[in-house]
Amino acid sequence: MRTPLTLLLSCLLLGVLLPGTAHAARYPVGSAPALTDNFLYKTGRLETTNCRTTPPKAGNVTSVKRYLLSVGKCLDTTWSAQFAKTGKPFTPPRIQILTEPHSYCGKPWTGSLLSDYCPQDGTIVFLITEPILKKPSKLSAFIAISHEYGHHVQRLSGIQDAYTRLPRRNAKERYEQARRHDLQAECLGAAFTRSVWESLKRPRGDWNALRANTARGGDDYWETHEYGKGRSIVHWMDSGFAAASPGDCDTWSASASAVA
């Protein structure tokens, strides 16, 4: 996801799906087992681990960089352990922390971009903006890195490739597939957050505040159709946070209303 800066600054019903079972694809996904019956869904709950981040100091760029990279190390620990359950290979992404915008992944930086993932080379890019530098410990920065890492997990599990191969007859289908793809990364990021939540020693109010701010954002706010309405994003965040399991992040089998 090209995480818009406005999302970080502003900081449905879904049928029950049993982990480990094959799910029927929803339109416009079609027959794509890598999306609806991926091995990742059968790996169970993420292990509860101690995420020892380096506390960031407001106004100190070096400190904020260290903090973000320490979050990345926690993500490496959690997701490498999850892939180890299956014997599948795991390679951590490269995390590039920027202090000023510049081109990446063969494309120019856009003014609203805060973070993104480049599937071509497996790199997460994150821009330290003035608001982030002012309040780097806000949960929004933690979630942004976790979300982009979710896209890396999609790449390693074959979901990314399967997504890019889906046929698209029109813009409507392309947008819905894009939402299913991005909402899954939201869910995976939230699942990781839950797995380390106790060690973060944050009040539950931090999570509730993030949910409230996210609900006011989404495609209506950004005037696009790629990421999902605020309520859909919150729905998948809740799904991941409740179970801390990739099996609860199968957006490809969900109803259209759950990925609107």
C-alpha atoms as a PDB file:
ATOM      1  CA  MET A   1       0.000   0.000   0.000  1.00  0.00           C
ATOM      2  CA  ARG A   2       1.122   3.521  -0.734  1.00  0.00           C
ATOM      3  CA  THR A   3       0.280   4.710   2.772  1.00  0.00           C
ATOM      4  CA  PRO A   4      -1.107   8.260   2.512  1.00  0.00           C
ATOM      5  CA  LEU A   5       0.260  10.762   4.997  1.00  0.00           C
ATOM      6  CA  THR A   6      -3.322  11.771   5.803  1.00  0.00           C
ATOM      7  CA  LEU A   7      -4.030   8.301   7.197  1.00  0.00           C
ATOM      8  CA  LEU A   8      -1.208   8.565   9.700  1.00  0.00           C
ATOM      9  CA  LEU A   9      -2.042  12.108  10.604  1.00  0.00           C
ATOM     10  CA  SER A  10      -5.726  11.480  11.134  1.00  0.00           C
ATOM     11  CA  CYS A  11      -4.408   9.204  13.775  1.00  0.00           C
ATOM     12  CA  LEU A  12     -19.967  -5.467   7.568  1.00  0.00           C
ATOM     13  CA  LEU A  13     -20.307  -8.352   8.458  1.00  0.00           C
ATOM     14  CA  LEU A  14     -17.966 -11.207   7.478  1.00  0.00           C
ATOM     15  CA  GLY A  15     -18.754 -14.929   7.579  1.00  0.00           C
ATOM     16  CA  VAL A  16     -16.699 -16.998  10.021  1.00  0.00           C
ATOM     17  CA  LEU A  17     -13.905 -18.859   8.199  1.00  0.00           C
ATOM     18  CA  LEU A  18     -12.140 -21.753   9.860  1.00  0.00           C
ATOM     19  CA  PRO A  19      -8.346 -21.668   9.563  1.00  0.00           C
ATOM     20  CA  GLY A  20      -6.963 -24.535   7.523  1.00  0.00           C
ATOM     21  CA  THR A  21     -10.044 -24.991   5.318  1.00  0.00           C
ATOM     22  CA  ALA A  22     -10.312 -24.196   1.629  1.00  0.00           C
ATOM     23  CA  HIS A  23     -12.419 -21.136   0.974  1.00  0.00           C
ATOM     24  CA  ALA A  24     -14.452 -20.269  -2.082  1.00  0.00           C
ATOM     25  CA  ALA A  25     -13.166 -17.325  -4.071  1.00  0.00           C
ATOM     26  CA  ARG A  26     -15.366 -14.280  -4.452  1.00  0.00           C
ATOM     27  CA  TYR A  27     -15.883 -12.278  -7.597  1.00  0.00           C
ATOM     28  CA  PRO A  28     -13.693 -10.935  -9.154  1.00  0.00           C
ATOM     29  CA  VAL A  29     -11.010 -13.308  -7.826  1.00  0.00           C
ATOM     30  CA  GLY A  30     -11.862 -16.500  -9.725  1.00  0.00           C
ATOM     31  CA  SER A  31      -9.913 -19.729  -9.305  1.00  0.00           C
ATOM     32  CA  ALA A  32      -6.728 -18.785  -7.455  1.00  0.00           C
ATOM     33  CA  PRO A  33      -5.779 -21.246  -4.668  1.00  0.00           C
ATOM     34  CA  ALA A  34      -2.742 -19.141  -3.768  1.00  0.00           C
ATOM     35  CA  LEU A  35      -5.198 -16.467  -2.669  1.00  0.00           C
ATOM     36  CA  THR A  36      -8.037 -18.436  -1.105  1.00  0.00           C
ATOM     37  CA  ASP A  37      -6.234 -21.564   0.167  1.00  0.00           C
ATOM     38  CA  ASN A  38      -2.751 -20.260   0.842  1.00  0.00           C
ATOM     39  CA  PHE A  39      -0.466 -22.217   3.171  1.00  0.00           C
ATOM     40  CA  LEU A  40      -0.134 -19.097   5.302  1.00  0.00           C
ATOM     41  CA  TYR A  41      -3.759 -19.443   6.453  1.00  0.00           C
ATOM     42  CA  LYS A  42      -2.979 -22.837   7.989  1.00  0.00           C
ATOM     43  CA  THR A  43      -0.070 -21.675  10.173  1.00  0.00           C
ATOM     44  CA  GLY A  44      -2.212 -20.753  13.174  1.00  0.00           C
ATOM     45  CA  ARG A  45      -1.815 -17.943  15.640  1.00  0.00           C
ATOM     46  CA  LEU A  46       1.353 -15.860  15.569  1.00  0.00           C
ATOM     47  CA  GLU A  47       3.620 -16.634  18.496  1.00  0.00           C
ATOM     48  CA  THR A  48       3.436 -14.159  21.358  1.00  0.00           C
ATOM     49  CA  THR A  49       6.829 -12.498  21.492  1.00  0.00           C
ATOM     50  CA  ASN A  50       8.596  -9.702  23.309  1.00  0.00           C
ATOM     51  CA  CYS A  51       9.022  -6.727  21.009  1.00  0.00           C
ATOM     52  CA  ARG A  52      11.757  -4.603  22.551  1.00  0.00           C
ATOM     53  CA  THR A  53      11.766  -1.423  20.549  1.00  0.00           C
ATOM     54  CA  THR A  54      14.240   1.386  20.984  1.00  0.00           C
ATOM     55  CA  PRO A  55      12.217   4.289  22.467  1.00  0.00           C
ATOM     56  CA  PRO A  56      12.253   7.215  20.017  1.00  0.00           C
ATOM     57  CA  LYS A  57      13.108  10.754  21.059  1.00  0.00           C
ATOM     58  CA  ALA A  58      10.929  13.452  19.575  1.00  0.00           C
ATOM     59  CA  GLY A  59      12.882  15.723  17.266  1.00  0.00           C
ATOM     60  CA  ASN A  60      15.821  13.337  16.969  1.00  0.00           C
ATOM     61  CA  VAL A  61      16.028  11.817  13.484  1.00  0.00           C
ATOM     62  CA  THR A  62      18.630   9.210  14.428  1.00  0.00           C
ATOM     63  CA  SER A  63      16.519   8.070  17.373  1.00  0.00           C
ATOM     64  CA  VAL A  64      13.393   7.776  15.226  1.00  0.00           C
ATOM     65  CA  LYS A  65      15.287   5.752  12.628  1.00  0.00           C
ATOM     66  CA  ARG A  66      16.518   3.371  15.315  1.00  0.00           C
ATOM     67  CA  TYR A  67      12.988   2.987  16.635  1.00  0.00           C
ATOM     68  CA  LEU A  68      11.509   2.160  13.241  1.00  0.00           C
ATOM     69  CA  LEU A  69      14.279  -0.312  12.483  1.00  0.00           C
ATOM     70  CA  SER A  70      13.786  -1.958  15.886  1.00  0.00           C
ATOM     71  CA  VAL A  71      10.114  -2.458  14.999  1.00  0.00           C
ATOM     72  CA  GLY A  72      11.347  -4.081  11.790  1.00  0.00           C
ATOM     73  CA  LYS A  73      13.461  -6.516  13.819  1.00  0.00           C
ATOM     74  CA  CYS A  74      10.397  -7.504  15.837  1.00  0.00           C
ATOM     75  CA  LEU A  75       8.544  -8.151  12.590  1.00  0.00           C
ATOM     76  CA  ASP A  76      11.446 -10.273  11.341  1.00  0.00           C
ATOM     77  CA  THR A  77      11.317 -12.400  14.484  1.00  0.00           C
ATOM     78  CA  THR A  78       7.570 -12.976  14.336  1.00  0.00           C
ATOM     79  CA  TRP A  79       7.176 -13.690  10.638  1.00  0.00           C
ATOM     80  CA  SER A  80      10.306 -15.811  10.291  1.00  0.00           C
ATOM     81  CA  ALA A  81       8.944 -18.041  13.076  1.00  0.00           C
ATOM     82  CA  GLN A  82       5.591 -18.279  11.302  1.00  0.00           C
ATOM     83  CA  PHE A  83       7.189 -19.348   8.020  1.00  0.00           C
ATOM     84  CA  ALA A  84       9.411 -21.828   9.893  1.00  0.00           C
ATOM     85  CA  LYS A  85       6.260 -23.726  10.878  1.00  0.00           C
ATOM     86  CA  THR A  86       5.811 -24.686   7.222  1.00  0.00           C
ATOM     87  CA  GLY A  87       9.409 -25.126   6.163  1.00  0.00           C
ATOM     88  CA  LYS A  88       8.942 -22.402   3.573  1.00  0.00           C
ATOM     89  CA  PRO A  89      11.881 -20.065   2.949  1.00  0.00           C
ATOM     90  CA  PHE A  90      11.849 -16.654   4.602  1.00  0.00           C
ATOM     91  CA  THR A  91      13.902 -13.599   3.756  1.00  0.00           C
ATOM     92  CA  PRO A  92      13.346 -10.345   5.663  1.00  0.00           C
ATOM     93  CA  PRO A  93      12.675  -7.199   3.672  1.00  0.00           C
ATOM     94  CA  ARG A  94      15.063  -4.296   3.425  1.00  0.00           C
ATOM     95  CA  ILE A  95      13.746  -1.299   5.357  1.00  0.00           C
ATOM     96  CA  GLN A  96      14.790   2.091   4.035  1.00  0.00           C
ATOM     97  CA  ILE A  97      14.109   5.084   6.273  1.00  0.00           C
ATOM     98  CA  LEU A  98      14.078   8.379   4.401  1.00  0.00           C
ATOM     99  CA  THR A  99      14.340  11.946   5.645  1.00  0.00           C
ATOM    100  CA  GLU A 100      13.327  13.473   2.328  1.00  0.00           C
ATOM    101  CA  PRO A 101      11.293  12.181  -0.616  1.00  0.00           C
ATOM    102  CA  HIS A 102      12.998  10.603  -3.596  1.00  0.00           C
ATOM    103  CA  SER A 103      12.113   8.105  -6.288  1.00  0.00           C
ATOM    104  CA  TYR A 104      11.891   4.421  -5.388  1.00  0.00           C
ATOM    105  CA  CYS A 105      10.808   1.199  -7.056  1.00  0.00           C
ATOM    106  CA  GLY A 106      11.127   2.887 -10.439  1.00  0.00           C
ATOM    107  CA  LYS A 107       8.540   5.561  -9.688  1.00  0.00           C
ATOM    108  CA  PRO A 108       8.519   9.088  -8.280  1.00  0.00           C
ATOM    109  CA  TRP A 109       7.528   9.952  -4.736  1.00  0.00           C
ATOM    110  CA  THR A 110       4.094  11.539  -4.357  1.00  0.00           C
ATOM    111  CA  GLY A 111       3.272  14.323  -1.949  1.00  0.00           C
ATOM    112  CA  SER A 112       0.794  12.304   0.128  1.00  0.00           C
ATOM    113  CA  LEU A 113       3.010   9.235   0.539  1.00  0.00           C
ATOM    114  CA  LEU A 114       4.366   8.234   3.936  1.00  0.00           C
ATOM    115  CA  SER A 115       5.346   4.586   3.382  1.00  0.00           C
ATOM    116  CA  ASP A 116       5.177   1.930   0.705  1.00  0.00           C
ATOM    117  CA  TYR A 117       6.428  -1.524  -0.246  1.00  0.00           C
ATOM    118  CA  CYS A 118       8.322  -2.370  -3.430  1.00  0.00           C
ATOM    119  CA  PRO A 119       7.621  -6.003  -4.384  1.00  0.00           C
ATOM    120  CA  GLN A 120      10.249  -5.940  -7.124  1.00  0.00           C
ATOM    121  CA  ASP A 121      13.130  -5.789  -4.656  1.00  0.00           C
ATOM    122  CA  GLY A 122      11.405  -6.479  -1.319  1.00  0.00           C
ATOM    123  CA  THR A 123      12.016  -3.043   0.174  1.00  0.00           C
ATOM    124  CA  ILE A 124       9.873  -1.094   2.642  1.00  0.00           C
ATOM    125  CA  VAL A 125      10.321   2.662   2.391  1.00  0.00           C
ATOM    126  CA  PHE A 126       9.264   5.026   5.168  1.00  0.00           C
ATOM    127  CA  LEU A 127       9.533   8.810   5.161  1.00  0.00           C
ATOM    128  CA  ILE A 128      10.156  10.596   8.457  1.00  0.00           C
ATOM    129  CA  THR A 129       7.910  13.623   8.132  1.00  0.00           C
ATOM    130  CA  GLU A 130       7.734  16.555  10.500  1.00  0.00           C
ATOM    131  CA  PRO A 131       4.595  15.235  12.282  1.00  0.00           C
ATOM    132  CA  ILE A 132       6.248  11.812  12.710  1.00  0.00           C
ATOM    133  CA  LEU A 133       9.395  13.450  14.034  1.00  0.00           C
ATOM    134  CA  LYS A 134       7.312  15.474  16.493  1.00  0.00           C
ATOM    135  CA  LYS A 135       5.413  12.462  17.878  1.00  0.00           C
ATOM    136  CA  PRO A 136       7.282   9.320  16.758  1.00  0.00           C
ATOM    137  CA  SER A 137       5.902   7.088  19.496  1.00  0.00           C
ATOM    138  CA  LYS A 138       2.320   7.301  18.218  1.00  0.00           C
ATOM    139  CA  LEU A 139       0.923   3.911  17.233  1.00  0.00           C
ATOM    140  CA  SER A 140       0.335   5.110  13.660  1.00  0.00           C
ATOM    141  CA  ALA A 141       4.039   4.830  12.708  1.00  0.00           C
ATOM    142  CA  PHE A 142       4.219   1.320  14.235  1.00  0.00           C
ATOM    143  CA  ILE A 143       1.146   0.245  12.272  1.00  0.00           C
ATOM    144  CA  ALA A 144       2.432   1.722   9.003  1.00  0.00           C
ATOM    145  CA  ILE A 145       5.612  -0.371   9.146  1.00  0.00           C
ATOM    146  CA  SER A 146       3.599  -3.455  10.152  1.00  0.00           C
ATOM    147  CA  HIS A 147       1.220  -2.940   7.232  1.00  0.00           C
ATOM    148  CA  GLU A 148       3.997  -2.659   4.658  1.00  0.00           C
ATOM    149  CA  TYR A 149       5.589  -5.766   6.161  1.00  0.00           C
ATOM    150  CA  GLY A 150       2.247  -7.471   5.527  1.00  0.00           C
ATOM    151  CA  HIS A 151       2.805  -6.845   1.810  1.00  0.00           C
ATOM    152  CA  HIS A 152       6.207  -8.517   2.114  1.00  0.00           C
ATOM    153  CA  VAL A 153       4.505 -11.534   3.701  1.00  0.00           C
ATOM    154  CA  GLN A 154       2.120 -11.586   0.734  1.00  0.00           C
ATOM    155  CA  ARG A 155       5.112 -11.635  -1.604  1.00  0.00           C
ATOM    156  CA  LEU A 156       6.848 -14.514   0.206  1.00  0.00           C
ATOM    157  CA  SER A 157       3.664 -16.595   0.402  1.00  0.00           C
ATOM    158  CA  GLY A 158       2.849 -16.266  -3.306  1.00  0.00           C
ATOM    159  CA  ILE A 159      -0.167 -14.039  -2.720  1.00  0.00           C
ATOM    160  CA  GLN A 160       1.452 -11.049  -4.415  1.00  0.00           C
ATOM    161  CA  ASP A 161       2.197 -12.949  -7.632  1.00  0.00           C
ATOM    162  CA  ALA A 162      -1.259 -14.514  -7.711  1.00  0.00           C
ATOM    163  CA  TYR A 163      -2.809 -11.068  -7.238  1.00  0.00           C
ATOM    164  CA  THR A 164      -0.867  -9.536 -10.105  1.00  0.00           C
ATOM    165  CA  ARG A 165      -1.918 -12.402 -12.408  1.00  0.00           C
ATOM    166  CA  LEU A 166      -5.641 -11.958 -11.804  1.00  0.00           C
ATOM    167  CA  PRO A 167      -7.589 -11.006 -14.938  1.00  0.00           C
ATOM    168  CA  ARG A 168      -9.165  -7.548 -14.852  1.00  0.00           C
ATOM    169  CA  ARG A 169     -11.883  -6.744 -17.345  1.00  0.00           C
ATOM    170  CA  ASN A 170     -12.544  -3.229 -16.144  1.00  0.00           C
ATOM    171  CA  ALA A 171     -11.643  -0.614 -13.535  1.00  0.00           C
ATOM    172  CA  LYS A 172     -14.313  -1.860 -11.118  1.00  0.00           C
ATOM    173  CA  GLU A 173     -12.723  -5.305 -10.956  1.00  0.00           C
ATOM    174  CA  ARG A 174      -9.223  -3.855 -10.682  1.00  0.00           C
ATOM    175  CA  TYR A 175     -10.234  -1.661  -7.753  1.00  0.00           C
ATOM    176  CA  GLU A 176     -11.920  -4.473  -5.855  1.00  0.00           C
ATOM    177  CA  GLN A 177      -8.903  -6.738  -6.281  1.00  0.00           C
ATOM    178  CA  ALA A 178      -6.656  -3.903  -5.086  1.00  0.00           C
ATOM    179  CA  ARG A 179      -8.826  -3.456  -1.990  1.00  0.00           C
ATOM    180  CA  ARG A 180      -8.721  -7.168  -1.176  1.00  0.00           C
ATOM    181  CA  HIS A 181      -4.938  -7.051  -1.525  1.00  0.00           C
ATOM    182  CA  ASP A 182      -4.440  -3.974   0.655  1.00  0.00           C
ATOM    183  CA  LEU A 183      -7.002  -4.885   3.310  1.00  0.00           C
ATOM    184  CA  GLN A 184      -5.236  -8.197   3.768  1.00  0.00           C
ATOM    185  CA  ALA A 185      -2.015  -6.338   4.574  1.00  0.00           C
ATOM    186  CA  GLU A 186      -3.982  -4.273   7.127  1.00  0.00           C
ATOM    187  CA  CYS A 187      -5.136  -7.490   8.762  1.00  0.00           C
ATOM    188  CA  LEU A 188      -1.678  -9.078   8.776  1.00  0.00           C
ATOM    189  CA  GLY A 189      -0.193  -5.939  10.294  1.00  0.00           C
ATOM    190  CA  ALA A 190      -2.836  -5.930  13.018  1.00  0.00           C
ATOM    191  CA  ALA A 191      -2.263  -9.649  13.698  1.00  0.00           C
ATOM    192  CA  PHE A 192       1.412  -8.934  14.319  1.00  0.00           C
ATOM    193  CA  THR A 193       0.523  -5.988  16.551  1.00  0.00           C
ATOM    194  CA  ARG A 194      -1.673  -8.216  18.704  1.00  0.00           C
ATOM    195  CA  SER A 195       1.078 -10.847  19.000  1.00  0.00           C
ATOM    196  CA  VAL A 196       3.445  -8.310  20.591  1.00  0.00           C
ATOM    197  CA  TRP A 197       0.858  -6.073  22.239  1.00  0.00           C
ATOM    198  CA  GLU A 198       1.565  -7.000  25.852  1.00  0.00           C
ATOM    199  CA  SER A 199       5.269  -6.282  25.475  1.00  0.00           C
ATOM    200  CA  LEU A 200       4.565  -2.849  23.991  1.00  0.00           C
ATOM    201  CA  LYS A 201       2.953  -1.833  27.291  1.00  0.00           C
ATOM    202  CA  ARG A 202       0.552   0.517  25.575  1.00  0.00           C
ATOM    203  CA  PRO A 203      -2.900   1.332  26.901  1.00  0.00           C
ATOM    204  CA  ARG A 204      -5.783  -0.171  24.952  1.00  0.00           C
ATOM    205  CA  GLY A 205      -6.848   3.402  24.337  1.00  0.00           C
ATOM    206  CA  ASP A 206      -4.019   3.748  21.803  1.00  0.00           C
ATOM    207  CA  TRP A 207      -5.566   0.997  19.676  1.00  0.00           C
ATOM    208  CA  ASN A 208      -9.063   2.409  20.067  1.00  0.00           C
ATOM    209  CA  ALA A 209      -7.869   5.875  19.040  1.00  0.00           C
ATOM    210  CA  LEU A 210      -6.230   4.434  15.932  1.00  0.00           C
ATOM    211  CA  ARG A 211      -9.451   2.614  15.036  1.00  0.00           C
ATOM    212  CA  ALA A 212     -11.495   5.781  15.461  1.00  0.00           C
ATOM    213  CA  ASN A 213      -9.155   7.823  13.284  1.00  0.00           C
ATOM    214  CA  THR A 214      -9.002   5.099  10.644  1.00  0.00           C
ATOM    215  CA  ALA A 215     -12.793   4.883  10.503  1.00  0.00           C
ATOM    216  CA  ARG A 216     -12.882   8.545   9.484  1.00  0.00           C
ATOM    217  CA  GLY A 217     -10.438   7.898   6.646  1.00  0.00           C
ATOM    218  CA  GLY A 218     -10.505   5.396   3.828  1.00  0.00           C
ATOM    219  CA  ASP A 219     -11.390   5.765   0.181  1.00  0.00           C
ATOM    220  CA  ASP A 220     -14.072   8.405   0.730  1.00  0.00           C
ATOM    221  CA  TYR A 221     -11.519  10.629   2.441  1.00  0.00           C
ATOM    222  CA  TRP A 222      -8.739   9.957  -0.077  1.00  0.00           C
ATOM    223  CA  GLU A 223     -11.130  10.104  -3.060  1.00  0.00           C
ATOM    224  CA  THR A 224     -10.025   6.778  -4.497  1.00  0.00           C
ATOM    225  CA  HIS A 225     -11.263   3.166  -4.632  1.00  0.00           C
ATOM    226  CA  GLU A 226      -8.043   1.288  -3.883  1.00  0.00           C
ATOM    227  CA  TYR A 227      -7.838   0.846  -0.107  1.00  0.00           C
ATOM    228  CA  GLY A 228     -11.371   0.405   1.206  1.00  0.00           C
ATOM    229  CA  LYS A 229     -13.761   2.574   3.150  1.00  0.00           C
ATOM    230  CA  GLY A 230     -12.824   3.455   6.703  1.00  0.00           C
ATOM    231  CA  ARG A 231     -15.240   0.891   8.134  1.00  0.00           C
ATOM    232  CA  SER A 232     -13.732  -1.862   5.950  1.00  0.00           C
ATOM    233  CA  ILE A 233     -10.201  -1.029   7.041  1.00  0.00           C
ATOM    234  CA  VAL A 234     -11.259  -1.093  10.689  1.00  0.00           C
ATOM    235  CA  HIS A 235     -13.073  -4.388  10.131  1.00  0.00           C
ATOM    236  CA  TRP A 236      -9.897  -6.098   8.916  1.00  0.00           C
ATOM    237  CA  MET A 237      -7.752  -4.450  11.554  1.00  0.00           C
ATOM    238  CA  ASP A 238     -10.141  -5.848  14.149  1.00  0.00           C
ATOM    239  CA  SER A 239     -10.078  -9.285  12.534  1.00  0.00           C
ATOM    240  CA  GLY A 240      -6.288  -9.477  12.693  1.00  0.00           C
ATOM    241  CA  PHE A 241      -6.033  -7.983  16.161  1.00  0.00           C
ATOM    242  CA  ALA A 242      -8.684 -10.277  17.626  1.00  0.00           C
ATOM    243  CA  ALA A 243      -7.094 -13.559  16.569  1.00  0.00           C
ATOM    244  CA  ALA A 244      -3.456 -12.715  15.697  1.00  0.00           C
ATOM    245  CA  SER A 245      -3.783 -15.361  12.997  1.00  0.00           C
ATOM    246  CA  PRO A 246      -3.188 -15.098   9.219  1.00  0.00           C
ATOM    247  CA  GLY A 247      -6.087 -17.503   8.788  1.00  0.00           C
ATOM    248  CA  ASP A 248      -8.436 -14.673   9.736  1.00  0.00           C
ATOM    249  CA  CYS A 249      -6.989 -12.441   7.012  1.00  0.00           C
ATOM    250  CA  ASP A 250      -8.378 -14.172   3.918  1.00  0.00           C
ATOM    251  CA  THR A 251      -9.874 -11.127   2.231  1.00  0.00           C
ATOM    252  CA  TRP A 252     -10.050 -13.007  -1.075  1.00  0.00           C
ATOM    253  CA  SER A 253     -12.919 -15.196   0.119  1.00  0.00           C
ATOM    254  CA  ALA A 254     -14.787 -12.392   1.883  1.00  0.00           C
ATOM    255  CA  SER A 255     -18.047 -10.886   0.735  1.00  0.00           C
ATOM    256  CA  ALA A 256     -17.981  -7.762  -1.418  1.00  0.00           C
ATOM    257  CA  SER A 257     -19.448  -5.706   1.444  1.00  0.00           C
ATOM    258  CA  ALA A 258     -16.485  -6.611   3.681  1.00  0.00           C
ATOM    259  CA  VAL A 259     -14.023  -5.182   1.168  1.00  0.00           C
ATOM    260  CA  ALA A 260     -16.047  -2.193  -0.014  1.00  0.00           C
END
